[in-house]
């Protein structure tokens, strides 16, 4: 506060100027005052009644939403302010941000009569209520209450049907009301994407772009965290708080797909290739050994069991021997396909008797135990337990949810350069034909489509890669970035082209291909 000001003048200036309020009445966790960045100033001072905060990660979105809630509640009587987040965890995080700001300001705290984590009630009759937007009970508690300020945070993770039920609470309010939705991109469907596509005006990094032909209701404020050149190299940061070196580390940790989505605000197509050609180019290789590979190193495997029209396929991977456990890798080098109609007893014999001859240091196997695979899994597990060199055998049951998690984990490992897979025509054909499609009714849900043919090779490969996951891991902790399966969609990597799906990649000598992380 300026020493020449009286307390009344100070409070009046805070009321009239939200930026001054944020920078002079609210303290940060270290005890100092905040200094708002240009994009934060633009967003909190927006006068439009319906706005989208389209922000990249780490740009202080929660901070801006908290400032708007507190300022409106403190200086405007009888305000009903509702903040909705997709999950209870996200709602509590934002609630704690608001609580922390209030607790660090004696002036604001004295004006409260109720100060619960999820609800604040002020002496002037205003209320801030934080809820989740993912459950019917919570939505029902908001519908009909009315709101002067309604915020839906992380709206890309809130079902469109719920959003449409919530919107009516903004109608018929006296005085100025404001509706803020905030989020980052997912697929090119849903409420957030449609609001952006139909926006008549977009504030893009300080520049207003106008689209008079659009008839949408929301004005967009857009700010990226990072900017890439045509070669996907990070050339600028969207905030002085984050250096380019830090962004490069984030890019390495989460991979290019998630980074472009979360930091560069790139939407994914509603129908996409699960394994884009450039990702195949990055992962697949050929060493000329055909299927004669043997190894005395630590190895793991995955088995996908076929039924009447599908083959049973085994993939075996050699575990990299890097010293740092965060850099452990898998080289999926050996496959075995069994003919249709083969007796399952012969498959059991091969896994228990022949596989250890090729790979005497087997550490783990993960089995498709869905349907007919269950009995084979139980028999193999019992026999391996009694063998001279027992090792853990794990079961995996396919469902829509578990298959999604299985495929996304495999993609996560591939994009982080932690997996290489030996090329085969059948595997490449299956990867090329694999599609992921977002639901037209709920942009947060998607389904996999293998196109024509089968997905035996892809499933066996992914079960093999699953040995790297926290649940099935090789007695080491994976890096933090892979401890949660990503729920995002892959996309085509730029406009780059590769060979047709039936064309072999260029051969390299065994010596060259054994060099670490060799790209095709």
Foldseek 3Di string as FASTA:
>chain_A
DPPVDDPVRQVVVCLVQLQSVQQPQFADPVGHGDHDDPLLNCVLPDQAQFAEEAEFPPNCPLVSVLSNLLSCQVNPAQFEEEEEEADPVVLLVSLVSNLNRQVSGPVNVVQWPDRDSQKTAGPRNYMYGTYYLHDPVRLVVQQPPAGQEYEYEQCLNHFQVSVVRNVVSPPPDPDHGHYYYYHFAFECAHDVNVLVVQAQWECELNDIDGDPVGDHRYYYYYFAQFDADPVRQTDDGRDPVDDSVNLVVVCLLFFDQVCCRRGVRDHFYQKAQQQAPQLCLQAEAAAPPAAPAFDAAEKEKEWEPDAQPDKIKMWMWHWDDDPDPQQIATEGEHMDTDDHPDDLVVVLCCVQPVVCVRYVNYAEYEYACEDPRVVSQVVSQVSLVPDPDHHYYHYDYDDQVVVLLLSLLVVRCSSSQRHHYYDDLVQLLQSRQKMWHADNRTRQDIGIDSHPDDCNVVVRVSSRVCCCAPVNDRPDDHDPSSPDRDSHGGHHDPPDDDDPSNDHDDYDHNVVVPPRSDGD
